[in-house]
Amino acid sequence: MSSHVSETTKHVLDGFSVVTVLGTLADVLPSIAAVFTIIWTGIRIYETDTVQLLLGKKPIADEPNE
């Protein structure tokens, strides 16, 4: 089963991620928040086309279906 998260949700979570990093750097939030941010950022980087291409999970040229 595949679950897809909308782009809006991803952008909101990315925003929370940035706020978490800033809060952690300012010693406002506990370091556990930094761990969650690192995990989320790693997932987002893994999802990029470049990384998927380097890992061989995505073809070099996506051909449109005709």
C-alpha atoms as a PDB file:
ATOM      1  CA  MET A   1       0.000   0.000   0.000  1.00  0.00           C
ATOM      2  CA  SER A   2       1.362   3.390  -0.964  1.00  0.00           C
ATOM      3  CA  SER A   3       0.578   6.574   0.896  1.00  0.00           C
ATOM      4  CA  HIS A   4       1.094   9.957  -0.730  1.00  0.00           C
ATOM      5  CA  VAL A   5       1.477  13.179   1.222  1.00  0.00           C
ATOM      6  CA  SER A   6       0.285  16.329  -0.508  1.00  0.00           C
ATOM      7  CA  GLU A   7       2.823  18.978  -1.491  1.00  0.00           C
ATOM      8  CA  THR A   8       1.118  21.488   0.809  1.00  0.00           C
ATOM      9  CA  THR A   9       1.615  19.163   3.772  1.00  0.00           C
ATOM     10  CA  LYS A  10       5.265  18.711   2.834  1.00  0.00           C
ATOM     11  CA  HIS A  11       5.779  22.483   2.655  1.00  0.00           C
ATOM     12  CA  VAL A  12       4.146  22.971   6.052  1.00  0.00           C
ATOM     13  CA  LEU A  13       6.350  20.273   7.586  1.00  0.00           C
ATOM     14  CA  ASP A  14       9.406  21.831   5.931  1.00  0.00           C
ATOM     15  CA  GLY A  15       8.460  25.143   7.561  1.00  0.00           C
ATOM     16  CA  PHE A  16       8.168  23.464  10.958  1.00  0.00           C
ATOM     17  CA  SER A  17      11.520  21.858  10.310  1.00  0.00           C
ATOM     18  CA  VAL A  18      13.176  25.244   9.739  1.00  0.00           C
ATOM     19  CA  VAL A  19      11.532  26.697  12.856  1.00  0.00           C
ATOM     20  CA  THR A  20      12.715  23.671  14.826  1.00  0.00           C
ATOM     21  CA  VAL A  21      16.293  24.146  13.653  1.00  0.00           C
ATOM     22  CA  LEU A  22      16.230  27.836  14.580  1.00  0.00           C
ATOM     23  CA  GLY A  23      14.681  27.074  17.961  1.00  0.00           C
ATOM     24  CA  THR A  24      17.231  24.380  18.675  1.00  0.00           C
ATOM     25  CA  LEU A  25      20.106  26.661  17.727  1.00  0.00           C
ATOM     26  CA  ALA A  26      18.715  29.287  20.081  1.00  0.00           C
ATOM     27  CA  ASP A  27      18.451  26.676  22.897  1.00  0.00           C
ATOM     28  CA  VAL A  28      14.698  27.166  23.043  1.00  0.00           C
ATOM     29  CA  LEU A  29      13.742  23.600  22.160  1.00  0.00           C
ATOM     30  CA  PRO A  30      15.235  20.369  23.436  1.00  0.00           C
ATOM     31  CA  SER A  31      17.727  18.506  21.320  1.00  0.00           C
ATOM     32  CA  ILE A  32      15.202  15.746  20.593  1.00  0.00           C
ATOM     33  CA  ALA A  33      13.527  18.199  18.204  1.00  0.00           C
ATOM     34  CA  ALA A  34      16.796  18.423  16.295  1.00  0.00           C
ATOM     35  CA  VAL A  35      16.781  14.647  15.841  1.00  0.00           C
ATOM     36  CA  PHE A  36      13.309  14.739  14.293  1.00  0.00           C
ATOM     37  CA  THR A  37      14.386  17.601  12.044  1.00  0.00           C
ATOM     38  CA  ILE A  38      17.446  15.697  10.858  1.00  0.00           C
ATOM     39  CA  ILE A  39      15.309  12.646  10.095  1.00  0.00           C
ATOM     40  CA  TRP A  40      12.735  14.742   8.173  1.00  0.00           C
ATOM     41  CA  THR A  41      15.431  16.574   6.211  1.00  0.00           C
ATOM     42  CA  GLY A  42      17.095  13.268   5.358  1.00  0.00           C
ATOM     43  CA  ILE A  43      13.818  11.886   4.041  1.00  0.00           C
ATOM     44  CA  ARG A  44      13.264  14.997   1.911  1.00  0.00           C
ATOM     45  CA  ILE A  45      16.788  14.803   0.488  1.00  0.00           C
ATOM     46  CA  TYR A  46      16.329  11.097  -0.244  1.00  0.00           C
ATOM     47  CA  GLU A  47      13.139  11.885  -2.196  1.00  0.00           C
ATOM     48  CA  THR A  48      14.877  14.327  -4.570  1.00  0.00           C
ATOM     49  CA  ASP A  49      15.221  13.372  -8.221  1.00  0.00           C
ATOM     50  CA  THR A  50      19.012  13.706  -8.070  1.00  0.00           C
ATOM     51  CA  VAL A  51      19.421  11.225  -5.214  1.00  0.00           C
ATOM     52  CA  GLN A  52      16.934   8.819  -6.755  1.00  0.00           C
ATOM     53  CA  LEU A  53      18.875   9.002 -10.035  1.00  0.00           C
ATOM     54  CA  LEU A  54      22.191   8.381  -8.251  1.00  0.00           C
ATOM     55  CA  LEU A  55      20.724   5.367  -6.458  1.00  0.00           C
ATOM     56  CA  GLY A  56      19.348   3.979  -9.725  1.00  0.00           C
ATOM     57  CA  LYS A  57      15.770   4.136  -8.480  1.00  0.00           C
ATOM     58  CA  LYS A  58      14.649   6.517 -11.213  1.00  0.00           C
ATOM     59  CA  PRO A  59      15.321   6.288 -14.946  1.00  0.00           C
ATOM     60  CA  ILE A  60      17.553   8.961 -16.470  1.00  0.00           C
ATOM     61  CA  ALA A  61      14.853  10.317 -18.766  1.00  0.00           C
ATOM     62  CA  ASP A  62      11.200   9.982 -17.877  1.00  0.00           C
ATOM     63  CA  GLU A  63       9.306   9.374 -21.090  1.00  0.00           C
ATOM     64  CA  PRO A  64       5.749  10.688 -21.231  1.00  0.00           C
ATOM     65  CA  ASN A  65       3.012   8.118 -21.770  1.00  0.00           C
ATOM     66  CA  GLU A  66       1.471   8.425 -25.191  1.00  0.00           C
END
